[in-house]
Amino acid sequence: MTYYRTIHFSDTDAAGVVYFAALLSICHEAYENSLQVAVIDLKTFFTNSDIAIPIIYAEIDFYQPLFCGDRIQINLTPVQLNETEFEINYQVFHESNLEKLIAKATTKHVSINPKIRKRSPLSLPIIQWLQSN
């Protein structure tokens, strides 16, 4: 899955470069977009009272700065780890040079029953989304 975005002024810090947490948030946008492309209703997905899929781990590495106005391409690859977990690997490129990696990130997600706060199997729509990518 590929996601395109322009870096906004609000994504940058006082030095004028993208703040690390902002790029993680942009990666999350790419994740949400991939769910929509898979015809998963986001409102239902994020307000489901029977299942929640919180992020339990996140990391990001930068190799080059990004600035306001830069156009980026994010390639994301979700991978099912077991019956309750998956991770998403993100590769961020500047749209003008798709050969050079700007940043990479990983988020790890776990499926839980939010009422009892215990792990639960991934839902069928998520499994289908994972298999389609």
N, C-alpha and C. Protein backbone atom coordinates (compact mmCIF):
# COMPACT_ATOMS: atom_id res chain seq x y z
N MET A 1 0.84 -1.17 0.00
CA MET A 1 0.00 0.00 0.00
C MET A 1 0.89 1.24 0.00
N THR A 2 0.47 2.23 -0.76
CA THR A 2 1.22 3.48 -0.86
C THR A 2 0.31 4.65 -0.50
N TYR A 3 0.86 5.59 0.24
CA TYR A 3 0.14 6.77 0.69
C TYR A 3 0.99 7.99 0.36
N TYR A 4 0.36 9.04 -0.15
CA TYR A 4 1.05 10.27 -0.51
C TYR A 4 0.57 11.41 0.38
N ARG A 5 1.49 12.30 0.71
CA ARG A 5 1.12 13.42 1.58
C ARG A 5 2.11 14.56 1.42
N THR A 6 1.61 15.76 1.63
CA THR A 6 2.47 16.95 1.68
C THR A 6 2.73 17.28 3.14
N ILE A 7 3.97 17.60 3.46
CA ILE A 7 4.32 18.00 4.83
C ILE A 7 3.77 19.40 5.08
N HIS A 8 3.03 19.55 6.18
CA HIS A 8 2.43 20.83 6.55
C HIS A 8 3.32 21.56 7.57
N PHE A 9 3.13 22.85 7.67
CA PHE A 9 3.87 23.64 8.66
C PHE A 9 3.65 23.08 10.06
N SER A 10 2.44 22.65 10.37
CA SER A 10 2.13 22.13 11.71
C SER A 10 2.85 20.82 12.01
N ASP A 11 3.43 20.17 10.99
CA ASP A 11 4.19 18.93 11.19
C ASP A 11 5.63 19.22 11.64
N THR A 12 6.04 20.48 11.57
CA THR A 12 7.44 20.81 11.83
C THR A 12 7.65 21.37 13.24
N ASP A 13 8.91 21.33 13.66
CA ASP A 13 9.26 21.87 14.97
C ASP A 13 9.88 23.27 14.81
N ALA A 14 10.42 23.81 15.88
CA ALA A 14 10.98 25.17 15.86
C ALA A 14 12.17 25.30 14.90
N ALA A 15 12.82 24.18 14.59
CA ALA A 15 13.95 24.21 13.65
C ALA A 15 13.47 24.11 12.20
N GLY A 16 12.16 23.94 12.01
CA GLY A 16 11.61 23.89 10.66
C GLY A 16 11.62 22.51 10.01
N VAL A 17 11.97 21.48 10.78
CA VAL A 17 11.97 20.12 10.25
C VAL A 17 10.84 19.31 10.89
N VAL A 18 10.47 18.24 10.23
CA VAL A 18 9.39 17.40 10.74
C VAL A 18 9.77 16.84 12.11
N TYR A 19 8.88 17.03 13.06
CA TYR A 19 9.02 16.51 14.41
C TYR A 19 8.76 15.01 14.38
N PHE A 20 9.54 14.22 15.15
CA PHE A 20 9.45 12.76 15.07
C PHE A 20 8.03 12.25 15.33
N ALA A 21 7.34 12.81 16.29
CA ALA A 21 5.99 12.35 16.61
C ALA A 21 5.02 12.68 15.48
N ALA A 22 5.29 13.77 14.77
CA ALA A 22 4.43 14.14 13.64
C ALA A 22 4.55 13.10 12.53
N LEU A 23 5.75 12.62 12.27
CA LEU A 23 5.89 11.62 11.21
C LEU A 23 5.26 10.30 11.63
N LEU A 24 5.31 9.95 12.89
CA LEU A 24 4.59 8.76 13.36
C LEU A 24 3.08 8.95 13.16
N SER A 25 2.59 10.15 13.42
CA SER A 25 1.17 10.44 13.19
C SER A 25 0.82 10.34 11.71
N ILE A 26 1.71 10.80 10.84
CA ILE A 26 1.48 10.70 9.40
C ILE A 26 1.48 9.23 8.98
N CYS A 27 2.35 8.43 9.57
CA CYS A 27 2.33 6.98 9.30
C CYS A 27 0.99 6.39 9.72
N HIS A 28 0.45 6.85 10.83
CA HIS A 28 -0.86 6.37 11.28
C HIS A 28 -1.94 6.78 10.27
N GLU A 29 -1.82 7.97 9.69
CA GLU A 29 -2.75 8.37 8.61
C GLU A 29 -2.70 7.37 7.47
N ALA A 30 -1.49 6.94 7.11
CA ALA A 30 -1.32 5.96 6.03
C ALA A 30 -2.01 4.64 6.39
N TYR A 31 -1.89 4.23 7.64
CA TYR A 31 -2.57 3.02 8.14
C TYR A 31 -4.09 3.18 8.02
N GLU A 32 -4.62 4.31 8.48
CA GLU A 32 -6.06 4.54 8.39
C GLU A 32 -6.52 4.54 6.93
N ASN A 33 -5.73 5.17 6.07
CA ASN A 33 -6.07 5.20 4.64
C ASN A 33 -6.11 3.80 4.05
N SER A 34 -5.16 2.96 4.44
CA SER A 34 -5.15 1.58 3.90
C SER A 34 -6.37 0.79 4.38
N LEU A 35 -6.84 1.08 5.59
CA LEU A 35 -8.06 0.43 6.07
C LEU A 35 -9.27 0.88 5.24
N GLN A 36 -9.32 2.18 4.95
CA GLN A 36 -10.42 2.69 4.12
C GLN A 36 -10.40 2.08 2.72
N VAL A 37 -9.21 1.97 2.14
CA VAL A 37 -9.08 1.36 0.81
C VAL A 37 -9.59 -0.08 0.85
N ALA A 38 -9.40 -0.75 1.98
CA ALA A 38 -9.88 -2.13 2.15
C ALA A 38 -11.36 -2.18 2.51
N VAL A 39 -12.04 -1.05 2.45
CA VAL A 39 -13.47 -0.90 2.72
C VAL A 39 -13.81 -1.27 4.17
N ILE A 40 -12.93 -0.86 5.08
CA ILE A 40 -13.21 -0.98 6.51
C ILE A 40 -13.71 0.38 6.97
N ASP A 41 -14.91 0.42 7.53
CA ASP A 41 -15.50 1.67 7.99
C ASP A 41 -14.75 2.15 9.24
N LEU A 42 -14.07 3.27 9.14
CA LEU A 42 -13.23 3.75 10.24
C LEU A 42 -14.03 4.10 11.49
N LYS A 43 -15.19 4.68 11.31
CA LYS A 43 -16.00 5.05 12.48
C LYS A 43 -16.34 3.79 13.28
N THR A 44 -16.79 2.78 12.61
CA THR A 44 -17.12 1.52 13.28
C THR A 44 -15.86 0.87 13.86
N PHE A 45 -14.79 0.89 13.08
CA PHE A 45 -13.54 0.26 13.50
C PHE A 45 -13.01 0.86 14.79
N PHE A 46 -12.99 2.19 14.87
CA PHE A 46 -12.39 2.85 16.03
C PHE A 46 -13.36 3.03 17.21
N THR A 47 -14.64 2.73 17.02
CA THR A 47 -15.58 2.84 18.14
C THR A 47 -16.20 1.50 18.52
N ASN A 48 -15.69 0.42 17.96
CA ASN A 48 -16.20 -0.92 18.25
C ASN A 48 -16.01 -1.23 19.73
N SER A 49 -17.07 -1.62 20.40
CA SER A 49 -16.98 -1.90 21.84
C SER A 49 -16.52 -3.32 22.13
N ASP A 50 -16.43 -4.16 21.09
CA ASP A 50 -16.02 -5.56 21.30
C ASP A 50 -14.54 -5.79 21.03
N ILE A 51 -13.93 -4.90 20.30
CA ILE A 51 -12.52 -5.08 19.96
C ILE A 51 -11.84 -3.72 19.86
N ALA A 52 -10.62 -3.67 20.32
CA ALA A 52 -9.78 -2.48 20.17
C ALA A 52 -8.40 -2.97 19.73
N ILE A 53 -7.71 -2.12 18.99
CA ILE A 53 -6.40 -2.52 18.48
C ILE A 53 -5.39 -1.41 18.79
N PRO A 54 -4.97 -1.33 20.06
CA PRO A 54 -4.01 -0.29 20.43
C PRO A 54 -2.61 -0.60 19.90
N ILE A 55 -1.84 0.46 19.76
CA ILE A 55 -0.43 0.32 19.41
C ILE A 55 0.33 0.03 20.71
N ILE A 56 1.14 -1.02 20.68
CA ILE A 56 1.90 -1.40 21.88
C ILE A 56 3.39 -1.11 21.74
N TYR A 57 3.79 -0.72 20.53
CA TYR A 57 5.21 -0.45 20.28
C TYR A 57 5.32 0.44 19.05
N ALA A 58 6.24 1.39 19.08
CA ALA A 58 6.49 2.24 17.92
C ALA A 58 7.95 2.66 17.92
N GLU A 59 8.52 2.71 16.72
CA GLU A 59 9.88 3.22 16.57
C GLU A 59 9.99 3.92 15.22
N ILE A 60 10.91 4.85 15.15
CA ILE A 60 11.12 5.57 13.90
C ILE A 60 12.59 5.96 13.80
N ASP A 61 13.12 5.81 12.60
CA ASP A 61 14.49 6.22 12.30
C ASP A 61 14.45 7.22 11.15
N PHE A 62 15.18 8.32 11.32
CA PHE A 62 15.28 9.35 10.28
C PHE A 62 16.66 9.27 9.63
N TYR A 63 16.70 9.41 8.32
CA TYR A 63 17.97 9.43 7.59
C TYR A 63 18.22 10.77 6.91
N GLN A 64 17.17 11.57 6.82
CA GLN A 64 17.26 12.88 6.17
C GLN A 64 16.08 13.71 6.68
N PRO A 65 16.26 15.03 6.83
CA PRO A 65 15.15 15.85 7.33
C PRO A 65 14.07 16.06 6.26
N LEU A 66 12.87 16.34 6.73
CA LEU A 66 11.74 16.72 5.88
C LEU A 66 11.30 18.12 6.29
N PHE A 67 10.84 18.90 5.30
CA PHE A 67 10.48 20.29 5.54
C PHE A 67 9.07 20.57 5.03
N CYS A 68 8.48 21.65 5.52
CA CYS A 68 7.16 22.09 5.07
C CYS A 68 7.15 22.18 3.54
N GLY A 69 6.13 21.62 2.93
CA GLY A 69 5.99 21.64 1.48
C GLY A 69 6.53 20.42 0.78
N ASP A 70 7.36 19.62 1.47
CA ASP A 70 7.88 18.39 0.86
C ASP A 70 6.74 17.42 0.59
N ARG A 71 6.78 16.78 -0.56
CA ARG A 71 5.81 15.73 -0.90
C ARG A 71 6.47 14.39 -0.60
N ILE A 72 5.77 13.56 0.17
CA ILE A 72 6.33 12.27 0.54
C ILE A 72 5.45 11.13 0.05
N GLN A 73 6.09 9.98 -0.07
CA GLN A 73 5.40 8.73 -0.37
C GLN A 73 5.72 7.77 0.77
N ILE A 74 4.68 7.18 1.33
CA ILE A 74 4.87 6.20 2.40
C ILE A 74 4.41 4.84 1.87
N ASN A 75 5.31 3.88 1.91
CA ASN A 75 4.96 2.51 1.57
C ASN A 75 4.78 1.77 2.88
N LEU A 76 3.61 1.16 3.07
CA LEU A 76 3.40 0.44 4.31
C LEU A 76 3.13 -1.03 4.02
N THR A 77 3.69 -1.86 4.90
CA THR A 77 3.55 -3.30 4.77
C THR A 77 3.12 -3.87 6.12
N PRO A 78 1.85 -4.30 6.23
CA PRO A 78 1.42 -4.93 7.47
C PRO A 78 1.77 -6.42 7.46
N VAL A 79 2.12 -6.94 8.63
CA VAL A 79 2.50 -8.35 8.77
C VAL A 79 1.82 -8.91 10.01
N GLN A 80 1.08 -10.00 9.84
CA GLN A 80 0.46 -10.65 11.00
C GLN A 80 1.54 -11.42 11.75
N LEU A 81 1.63 -11.20 13.06
CA LEU A 81 2.65 -11.84 13.89
C LEU A 81 2.13 -13.10 14.56
N ASN A 82 0.88 -13.05 14.99
CA ASN A 82 0.21 -14.22 15.59
C ASN A 82 -1.29 -13.94 15.58
N GLU A 83 -2.05 -14.70 16.30
CA GLU A 83 -3.52 -14.54 16.22
C GLU A 83 -4.04 -13.26 16.85
N THR A 84 -3.19 -12.56 17.64
CA THR A 84 -3.65 -11.33 18.30
C THR A 84 -2.83 -10.10 17.94
N GLU A 85 -1.74 -10.26 17.19
CA GLU A 85 -0.84 -9.13 16.92
C GLU A 85 -0.49 -9.00 15.45
N PHE A 86 -0.24 -7.75 15.06
CA PHE A 86 0.35 -7.48 13.76
C PHE A 86 1.25 -6.27 13.89
N GLU A 87 2.15 -6.11 12.93
CA GLU A 87 2.96 -4.91 12.89
C GLU A 87 2.86 -4.32 11.50
N ILE A 88 3.16 -3.03 11.44
CA ILE A 88 3.18 -2.33 10.16
C ILE A 88 4.55 -1.70 10.01
N ASN A 89 5.18 -1.99 8.89
CA ASN A 89 6.47 -1.39 8.56
C ASN A 89 6.24 -0.30 7.52
N TYR A 90 6.79 0.86 7.79
CA TYR A 90 6.62 2.03 6.92
C TYR A 90 7.98 2.44 6.36
N GLN A 91 7.99 2.76 5.09
CA GLN A 91 9.17 3.35 4.45
C GLN A 91 8.73 4.69 3.86
N VAL A 92 9.47 5.73 4.21
CA VAL A 92 9.12 7.09 3.79
C VAL A 92 10.15 7.58 2.78
N PHE A 93 9.66 8.05 1.64
CA PHE A 93 10.51 8.57 0.58
C PHE A 93 10.06 9.97 0.21
N HIS A 94 11.00 10.80 -0.23
CA HIS A 94 10.66 12.08 -0.81
C HIS A 94 10.16 11.78 -2.22
N GLU A 95 9.04 12.36 -2.61
CA GLU A 95 8.44 12.05 -3.90
C GLU A 95 9.39 12.34 -5.08
N SER A 96 10.34 13.24 -4.89
CA SER A 96 11.27 13.57 -5.97
C SER A 96 12.42 12.58 -6.10
N ASN A 97 12.60 11.70 -5.11
CA ASN A 97 13.68 10.72 -5.17
C ASN A 97 13.23 9.45 -4.45
N LEU A 98 12.58 8.56 -5.19
CA LEU A 98 12.04 7.33 -4.59
C LEU A 98 13.11 6.27 -4.38
N GLU A 99 14.36 6.60 -4.70
CA GLU A 99 15.47 5.67 -4.49
C GLU A 99 16.07 5.81 -3.09
N LYS A 100 15.91 6.99 -2.50
CA LYS A 100 16.56 7.28 -1.22
C LYS A 100 15.56 7.27 -0.07
N LEU A 101 15.77 6.37 0.87
CA LEU A 101 14.91 6.25 2.04
C LEU A 101 15.13 7.44 2.97
N ILE A 102 14.04 8.14 3.31
CA ILE A 102 14.10 9.31 4.20
C ILE A 102 13.97 8.87 5.66
N ALA A 103 13.03 7.94 5.89
CA ALA A 103 12.78 7.45 7.25
C ALA A 103 12.12 6.09 7.17
N LYS A 104 12.20 5.36 8.26
CA LYS A 104 11.46 4.11 8.36
C LYS A 104 10.87 4.04 9.76
N ALA A 105 9.72 3.39 9.84
CA ALA A 105 9.03 3.29 11.13
C ALA A 105 8.36 1.92 11.24
N THR A 106 8.08 1.54 12.46
CA THR A 106 7.34 0.32 12.74
C THR A 106 6.37 0.60 13.87
N THR A 107 5.14 0.11 13.71
CA THR A 107 4.19 0.11 14.81
C THR A 107 3.70 -1.32 15.01
N LYS A 108 3.56 -1.71 16.26
CA LYS A 108 3.06 -3.04 16.59
C LYS A 108 1.71 -2.86 17.29
N HIS A 109 0.73 -3.65 16.88
CA HIS A 109 -0.64 -3.53 17.35
C HIS A 109 -1.10 -4.85 17.95
N VAL A 110 -1.96 -4.76 18.96
CA VAL A 110 -2.52 -5.96 19.57
C VAL A 110 -4.04 -5.83 19.64
N SER A 111 -4.71 -6.91 19.39
CA SER A 111 -6.17 -6.94 19.47
C SER A 111 -6.58 -7.32 20.89
N ILE A 112 -7.46 -6.49 21.46
CA ILE A 112 -7.96 -6.78 22.81
C ILE A 112 -9.47 -6.61 22.86
N ASN A 113 -10.04 -7.23 23.87
CA ASN A 113 -11.43 -6.97 24.22
C ASN A 113 -11.37 -5.81 25.22
N PRO A 114 -11.86 -4.62 24.86
CA PRO A 114 -11.69 -3.46 25.74
C PRO A 114 -12.48 -3.54 27.05
N LYS A 115 -13.49 -4.38 27.08
CA LYS A 115 -14.29 -4.49 28.31
C LYS A 115 -13.52 -5.21 29.40
N ILE A 116 -12.78 -6.23 29.03
CA ILE A 116 -12.05 -7.02 30.04
C ILE A 116 -10.54 -6.83 29.95
N ARG A 117 -10.08 -6.03 28.97
CA ARG A 117 -8.66 -5.72 28.78
C ARG A 117 -7.79 -6.97 28.62
N LYS A 118 -8.30 -7.92 27.87
CA LYS A 118 -7.56 -9.15 27.57
C LYS A 118 -7.41 -9.28 26.06
N ARG A 119 -6.35 -9.94 25.65
CA ARG A 119 -6.13 -10.18 24.22
C ARG A 119 -7.28 -10.98 23.63
N SER A 120 -7.58 -10.68 22.38
CA SER A 120 -8.60 -11.44 21.66
C SER A 120 -8.11 -11.61 20.23
N PRO A 121 -8.60 -12.62 19.53
CA PRO A 121 -8.15 -12.85 18.16
C PRO A 121 -8.47 -11.64 17.27
N LEU A 122 -7.61 -11.44 16.28
CA LEU A 122 -7.85 -10.39 15.30
C LEU A 122 -9.17 -10.64 14.60
N SER A 123 -9.87 -9.59 14.28
CA SER A 123 -11.17 -9.72 13.60
C SER A 123 -10.97 -10.16 12.15
N LEU A 124 -12.00 -10.72 11.57
CA LEU A 124 -11.95 -11.17 10.19
C LEU A 124 -11.61 -10.03 9.23
N PRO A 125 -12.23 -8.84 9.35
CA PRO A 125 -11.84 -7.75 8.45
C PRO A 125 -10.35 -7.39 8.53
N ILE A 126 -9.77 -7.42 9.73
CA ILE A 126 -8.34 -7.12 9.87
C ILE A 126 -7.50 -8.23 9.26
N ILE A 127 -7.89 -9.46 9.47
CA ILE A 127 -7.15 -10.58 8.86
C ILE A 127 -7.21 -10.47 7.33
N GLN A 128 -8.36 -10.12 6.79
CA GLN A 128 -8.49 -9.96 5.35
C GLN A 128 -7.63 -8.80 4.86
N TRP A 129 -7.61 -7.69 5.63
CA TRP A 129 -6.77 -6.55 5.28
C TRP A 129 -5.30 -6.96 5.28
N LEU A 130 -4.88 -7.70 6.31
CA LEU A 130 -3.49 -8.15 6.40
C LEU A 130 -3.12 -9.03 5.21
N GLN A 131 -4.02 -9.91 4.83
CA GLN A 131 -3.75 -10.84 3.72
C GLN A 131 -3.76 -10.15 2.38
N SER A 132 -4.46 -9.03 2.27
CA SER A 132 -4.54 -8.34 0.97
C SER A 132 -3.35 -7.43 0.70
N ASN A 133 -2.52 -7.22 1.68
CA ASN A 133 -1.37 -6.31 1.52
C ASN A 133 -0.08 -7.05 1.35
